[in-house]
Amino acid sequence: MDLAIDLFAVISVLLIGADIWGLDVGVNLRVDQLFLAVLTVLLFCKNGLVLSKNFYLWAFLALSLISAMLAYSKFRGFLFFCSILYNVFFVYLCFYNYVRIYGIRKFIKLFRFTCYILFVIMMFQVVIKVIFDYSFPFLPDYGMYYGVYRFSIWFYEPSYLATYLTFWLTLSLIMLVEKDVSYVKDIVLCLAMMVFSTSTSGFAGIAFAFALAYLVWLKKGFSVKKILVLLIPVAALVAVRLFAPGFYYLFIGRIFSGDLNGATGGRIGKWAETFNVFLQRPLFGVGPVTFLLT
């Protein structure tokens, strides 16, 4: 039983971002969701499923149901609510119970292992594309942007991959601050993957991860050395600007050029609209998919 649980846990975490491997049934039914369902059943057979006592989780679920009932399309609202239910029971509660049974250390070990596999797959993808100009149909690259290949493994797009990697990088940096030097290799591997993704969101994620880890480090005690460490990222940016100006302007400079909305595919420009809708209907919203259909 334990071996089967570990196997399905590894596959589920490894493929949790496999957006391109799915079936459109009104919502995207992904391959990893099937593994997560099996993992949840195995955990239930192992030691039952304990529901979280997090009040905000259940309040969110109740409000989401009301919001779905107010949707422009009741059918699509129902499908959307089903996807929320799935994520609560087969993702959140699944991993909640895995950690409850096996401990957080084992889950982190499992997570790191899957990240190493992602690194190997991505580097293989990069080599095959750059050297042989070939992309596997089931593992396509994300095309070329200003002469630079973009890679996202099986994630929907590079920014999705970069968002996932930001969590890995943040965890690794904080663990390094906690004096676990084994995470140095995680930081190096993760940074390499984020660079090859070429995602502007990824570079913003790198800045966020380092800033958060630095604050955690600073909280442990002030020193002149910690202040001087701030010169390292500044020196790195200057070096990239001097020795790789094309790379700098293409992926870093545009963050500060005022075209951040364009760099994020127009997402930031939609934030104002979303916030206005929130102000009008702050409690129940307007229902899922309403923005697309009206």
Protein backbone atom coordinates (compact mmCIF):
# COMPACT_ATOMS: atom_id res chain seq x y z
CA MET A 1 0.00 0.00 0.00
CA ASP A 2 2.75 2.48 0.95
CA LEU A 3 4.67 1.76 -2.26
CA ALA A 4 1.58 2.34 -4.39
CA ILE A 5 0.82 5.59 -2.54
CA ASP A 6 4.36 6.85 -3.04
CA LEU A 7 4.29 5.92 -6.73
CA PHE A 8 1.03 7.75 -7.41
CA ALA A 9 2.17 10.68 -5.27
CA VAL A 10 5.36 11.08 -7.33
CA ILE A 11 3.48 10.85 -10.65
CA SER A 12 0.76 13.24 -9.44
CA VAL A 13 3.23 15.91 -8.30
CA LEU A 14 5.42 15.45 -11.37
CA LEU A 15 2.52 15.91 -13.79
CA ILE A 16 0.54 18.45 -11.79
CA GLY A 17 1.35 21.17 -14.34
CA ALA A 18 0.75 19.03 -17.44
CA ASP A 19 -1.90 21.33 -18.90
CA ILE A 20 -1.28 20.25 -22.51
CA TRP A 21 -2.03 16.62 -21.70
CA GLY A 22 -5.76 16.86 -21.24
CA LEU A 23 -9.18 16.29 -22.73
CA ASP A 24 -11.59 19.18 -23.29
CA VAL A 25 -14.96 18.23 -21.78
CA GLY A 26 -16.12 21.77 -21.11
CA VAL A 27 -13.21 22.00 -18.69
CA ASN A 28 -9.71 20.68 -19.24
CA LEU A 29 -9.62 17.13 -17.84
CA ARG A 30 -5.90 16.55 -17.32
CA VAL A 31 -3.98 13.30 -17.00
CA ASP A 32 -2.61 14.23 -13.58
CA GLN A 33 -6.15 14.60 -12.24
CA LEU A 34 -6.73 10.89 -12.79
CA PHE A 35 -3.60 10.02 -10.81
CA LEU A 36 -4.64 12.41 -8.03
CA ALA A 37 -8.04 10.72 -7.81
CA VAL A 38 -6.40 7.31 -7.46
CA LEU A 39 -3.96 8.69 -4.87
CA THR A 40 -6.85 10.08 -2.82
CA VAL A 41 -8.61 6.71 -2.86
CA LEU A 42 -5.40 4.95 -1.78
CA LEU A 43 -4.92 7.39 1.09
CA PHE A 44 -8.53 6.79 2.14
CA CYS A 45 -7.93 3.03 2.15
CA LYS A 46 -4.68 3.52 4.08
CA ASN A 47 -5.91 5.64 6.95
CA GLY A 48 -9.14 7.37 6.02
CA LEU A 49 -9.43 10.99 4.91
CA VAL A 50 -9.47 13.69 7.57
CA LEU A 51 -11.19 16.91 6.53
CA SER A 52 -9.36 20.15 7.13
CA LYS A 53 -10.63 22.37 9.94
CA ASN A 54 -9.71 25.46 7.95
CA PHE A 55 -12.84 27.65 8.19
CA TYR A 56 -11.79 29.82 5.25
CA LEU A 57 -11.57 26.80 2.93
CA TRP A 58 -15.17 25.77 3.57
CA ALA A 59 -16.39 29.37 3.48
CA PHE A 60 -14.71 29.75 0.09
CA LEU A 61 -16.42 26.58 -1.12
CA ALA A 62 -19.85 27.79 0.02
CA LEU A 63 -19.40 31.23 -1.57
CA SER A 64 -18.13 29.62 -4.78
CA LEU A 65 -21.34 27.59 -5.00
CA ILE A 66 -23.44 30.72 -4.64
CA SER A 67 -21.29 32.49 -7.23
CA ALA A 68 -21.69 29.58 -9.67
CA MET A 69 -25.49 29.73 -9.24
CA LEU A 70 -25.37 33.40 -10.31
CA ALA A 71 -23.33 32.68 -13.45
CA TYR A 72 -24.51 33.85 -16.88
CA SER A 73 -24.34 30.22 -18.04
CA LYS A 74 -25.61 27.95 -15.28
CA PHE A 75 -24.15 24.87 -17.02
CA ARG A 76 -20.65 26.32 -17.33
CA GLY A 77 -20.96 27.71 -13.83
CA PHE A 78 -21.77 24.18 -12.62
CA LEU A 79 -18.74 22.77 -14.46
CA PHE A 80 -16.54 25.44 -12.94
CA PHE A 81 -17.81 24.68 -9.45
CA CYS A 82 -17.14 20.97 -10.06
CA SER A 83 -13.53 21.86 -10.86
CA ILE A 84 -13.32 23.76 -7.55
CA LEU A 85 -14.76 20.76 -5.72
CA TYR A 86 -12.20 18.53 -7.39
CA ASN A 87 -9.31 20.77 -6.33
CA VAL A 88 -10.55 20.91 -2.74
CA PHE A 89 -11.01 17.15 -2.33
CA PHE A 90 -8.48 15.63 -4.71
CA VAL A 91 -5.66 18.18 -4.48
CA TYR A 92 -5.81 20.13 -1.22
CA LEU A 93 -7.25 17.38 1.00
CA CYS A 94 -5.25 14.73 -0.84
CA PHE A 95 -1.90 16.33 -0.02
CA TYR A 96 -3.18 17.48 3.37
CA ASN A 97 -3.74 13.83 4.29
CA TYR A 98 -0.49 12.65 2.67
CA VAL A 99 1.42 15.07 4.91
CA ARG A 100 -0.71 14.07 7.90
CA ILE A 101 0.18 10.39 7.39
CA TYR A 102 3.79 10.59 6.20
CA GLY A 103 5.00 13.99 7.42
CA ILE A 104 6.04 17.23 5.75
CA ARG A 105 9.70 16.16 5.39
CA LYS A 106 8.80 13.21 3.20
CA PHE A 107 6.54 15.36 1.04
CA ILE A 108 9.28 17.96 0.54
CA LYS A 109 11.71 15.17 -0.38
CA LEU A 110 9.17 13.89 -2.90
CA PHE A 111 8.61 17.38 -4.31
CA ARG A 112 12.35 17.98 -4.77
CA PHE A 113 12.73 14.64 -6.52
CA THR A 114 10.04 15.54 -9.06
CA CYS A 115 11.71 18.92 -9.65
CA TYR A 116 14.98 17.16 -10.49
CA ILE A 117 13.10 15.05 -13.03
CA LEU A 118 11.58 18.21 -14.54
CA PHE A 119 15.09 19.66 -14.89
CA VAL A 120 16.38 16.59 -16.74
CA ILE A 121 13.36 16.58 -19.08
CA MET A 122 13.68 20.29 -19.79
CA MET A 123 17.41 20.10 -20.54
CA PHE A 124 16.73 17.16 -22.86
CA GLN A 125 14.06 19.24 -24.57
CA VAL A 126 16.46 22.17 -24.92
CA VAL A 127 19.29 20.07 -26.39
CA ILE A 128 17.03 18.28 -28.89
CA LYS A 129 15.55 21.57 -30.09
CA VAL A 130 18.69 23.72 -30.18
CA ILE A 131 21.03 21.12 -31.70
CA PHE A 132 18.67 19.06 -33.86
CA ASP A 133 15.81 21.56 -34.29
CA TYR A 134 13.29 18.88 -33.32
CA SER A 135 10.36 18.95 -30.93
CA PHE A 136 8.49 15.89 -29.78
CA PRO A 137 4.75 16.15 -30.54
CA PHE A 138 3.91 15.27 -26.93
CA LEU A 139 6.55 17.68 -25.57
CA PRO A 140 6.53 20.76 -27.82
CA ASP A 141 8.56 23.89 -27.29
CA TYR A 142 6.73 27.21 -27.03
CA GLY A 143 8.13 28.63 -30.25
CA MET A 144 10.66 31.40 -30.71
CA TYR A 145 10.57 34.96 -29.41
CA TYR A 146 13.02 37.45 -30.93
CA GLY A 147 15.30 34.62 -31.99
CA VAL A 148 15.24 32.85 -28.62
CA TYR A 149 13.57 29.46 -28.14
CA ARG A 150 11.08 29.25 -25.31
CA PHE A 151 10.46 26.10 -23.28
CA SER A 152 7.67 25.10 -20.91
CA ILE A 153 7.89 21.26 -20.76
CA TRP A 154 4.22 20.18 -20.53
CA PHE A 155 2.94 23.36 -18.88
CA TYR A 156 0.48 25.48 -20.88
CA GLU A 157 3.03 28.26 -21.41
CA PRO A 158 6.41 29.39 -19.97
CA SER A 159 4.82 31.70 -17.39
CA TYR A 160 2.89 28.76 -15.91
CA LEU A 161 6.13 26.81 -15.56
CA ALA A 162 7.91 29.84 -14.09
CA THR A 163 5.16 30.30 -11.49
CA TYR A 164 5.56 26.67 -10.38
CA LEU A 165 9.36 27.02 -10.27
CA THR A 166 9.06 30.20 -8.18
CA PHE A 167 7.71 28.07 -5.34
CA TRP A 168 10.67 25.68 -5.65
CA LEU A 169 13.16 28.55 -5.71
CA THR A 170 11.56 30.29 -2.71
CA LEU A 171 11.55 27.07 -0.68
CA SER A 172 15.18 26.37 -1.59
CA LEU A 173 16.39 29.85 -0.70
CA ILE A 174 14.61 29.85 2.66
CA MET A 175 15.97 26.38 3.47
CA LEU A 176 19.44 27.65 2.60
CA VAL A 177 18.89 30.55 5.00
CA GLU A 178 18.05 27.85 7.56
CA LYS A 179 21.56 26.47 6.86
CA ASP A 180 20.59 23.44 4.77
CA VAL A 181 23.32 23.65 2.10
CA SER A 182 21.86 20.70 0.17
CA TYR A 183 19.47 23.23 -1.38
CA VAL A 184 22.30 25.01 -3.22
CA LYS A 185 21.94 22.56 -6.11
CA ASP A 186 18.17 23.14 -6.13
CA ILE A 187 18.75 26.88 -6.50
CA VAL A 188 21.18 26.40 -9.39
CA LEU A 189 18.93 23.94 -11.23
CA CYS A 190 15.82 26.03 -10.68
CA LEU A 191 17.47 29.24 -11.89
CA ALA A 192 18.66 27.45 -15.03
CA MET A 193 15.12 26.27 -15.77
CA MET A 194 13.65 29.72 -15.19
CA VAL A 195 16.18 31.28 -17.56
CA PHE A 196 15.40 28.72 -20.29
CA SER A 197 11.68 29.38 -19.86
CA THR A 198 12.47 33.02 -20.86
CA SER A 199 9.34 34.09 -18.98
CA THR A 200 9.20 37.67 -17.73
CA SER A 201 7.02 36.32 -14.91
CA GLY A 202 9.91 34.02 -14.10
CA PHE A 203 12.40 36.86 -13.75
CA ALA A 204 9.91 38.71 -11.54
CA GLY A 205 9.54 35.46 -9.57
CA ILE A 206 13.30 35.24 -9.09
CA ALA A 207 13.32 38.77 -7.65
CA PHE A 208 10.39 37.90 -5.36
CA ALA A 209 12.00 34.68 -4.11
CA PHE A 210 15.34 36.33 -3.33
CA ALA A 211 13.64 39.32 -1.67
CA LEU A 212 11.52 37.08 0.57
CA ALA A 213 14.47 34.88 1.52
CA TYR A 214 16.54 37.98 2.25
CA LEU A 215 13.87 39.31 4.62
CA VAL A 216 13.77 35.95 6.42
CA TRP A 217 17.57 36.07 6.70
CA LEU A 218 17.52 39.68 7.91
CA LYS A 219 14.96 38.81 10.57
CA LYS A 220 17.47 36.41 12.11
CA GLY A 221 19.73 39.31 13.01
CA PHE A 222 21.10 42.49 11.49
CA SER A 223 24.71 42.79 10.31
CA VAL A 224 26.76 44.87 7.88
CA LYS A 225 27.48 41.72 5.87
CA LYS A 226 23.78 41.23 5.22
CA ILE A 227 23.48 44.78 3.94
CA LEU A 228 26.47 44.32 1.63
CA VAL A 229 24.85 41.19 0.18
CA LEU A 230 22.36 43.52 -1.52
CA LEU A 231 25.20 44.57 -3.82
CA ILE A 232 25.30 41.07 -5.38
CA PRO A 233 22.02 41.28 -7.36
CA VAL A 234 22.88 44.85 -8.37
CA ALA A 235 26.28 43.71 -9.65
CA ALA A 236 24.64 40.79 -11.47
CA LEU A 237 22.19 43.09 -13.24
CA VAL A 238 24.98 45.44 -14.25
CA ALA A 239 27.05 42.52 -15.57
CA VAL A 240 24.15 41.20 -17.65
CA ARG A 241 23.48 44.72 -18.94
CA LEU A 242 27.12 45.17 -20.01
CA PHE A 243 27.94 41.74 -21.38
CA ALA A 244 24.55 40.56 -22.65
CA PRO A 245 22.57 43.71 -23.51
CA GLY A 246 20.24 41.88 -25.91
CA PHE A 247 19.28 39.37 -23.25
CA TYR A 248 18.86 42.17 -20.70
CA TYR A 249 16.49 44.28 -22.80
CA LEU A 250 14.52 41.30 -24.06
CA PHE A 251 13.75 39.63 -20.74
CA ILE A 252 14.67 41.99 -17.89
CA GLY A 253 14.64 45.53 -19.23
CA ARG A 254 11.03 45.37 -20.36
CA ILE A 255 9.96 44.84 -16.75
CA PHE A 256 11.07 48.43 -16.13
CA SER A 257 10.29 49.85 -19.58
CA GLY A 258 6.60 50.44 -18.98
CA ASP A 259 5.55 47.53 -21.18
CA LEU A 260 4.96 45.16 -18.30
CA ASN A 261 1.36 44.65 -19.44
CA GLY A 262 2.56 43.53 -22.86
CA ALA A 263 5.21 41.35 -21.28
CA THR A 264 2.51 39.52 -19.30
CA GLY A 265 0.26 38.96 -22.31
CA GLY A 266 -2.14 41.76 -21.33
CA ARG A 267 -2.98 40.20 -17.98
CA ILE A 268 -2.08 43.26 -15.89
CA GLY A 269 -4.37 45.42 -18.03
CA LYS A 270 -7.28 43.19 -16.97
CA TRP A 271 -6.61 43.68 -13.27
CA ALA A 272 -8.44 47.03 -13.22
CA GLU A 273 -11.52 45.45 -14.81
CA THR A 274 -11.43 42.59 -12.35
CA PHE A 275 -11.09 44.97 -9.40
CA ASN A 276 -14.04 47.07 -10.61
CA VAL A 277 -16.20 43.94 -10.82
CA PHE A 278 -15.09 43.04 -7.29
CA LEU A 279 -16.12 46.49 -6.03
CA GLN A 280 -19.57 46.07 -7.60
CA ARG A 281 -20.12 42.50 -6.34
CA PRO A 282 -17.61 41.95 -3.50
CA LEU A 283 -19.25 38.94 -1.85
CA PHE A 284 -20.64 36.58 -4.50
CA GLY A 285 -19.12 38.00 -7.68
CA VAL A 286 -20.81 37.65 -11.05
CA GLY A 287 -20.28 33.94 -11.56
CA PRO A 288 -17.60 32.07 -13.52
CA VAL A 289 -17.24 32.55 -17.32
CA THR A 290 -19.51 35.62 -17.25
CA PHE A 291 -16.69 37.86 -18.49
CA LEU A 292 -16.24 35.65 -21.57
CA LEU A 293 -19.90 35.38 -22.48
CA THR A 294 -21.17 38.92 -21.95
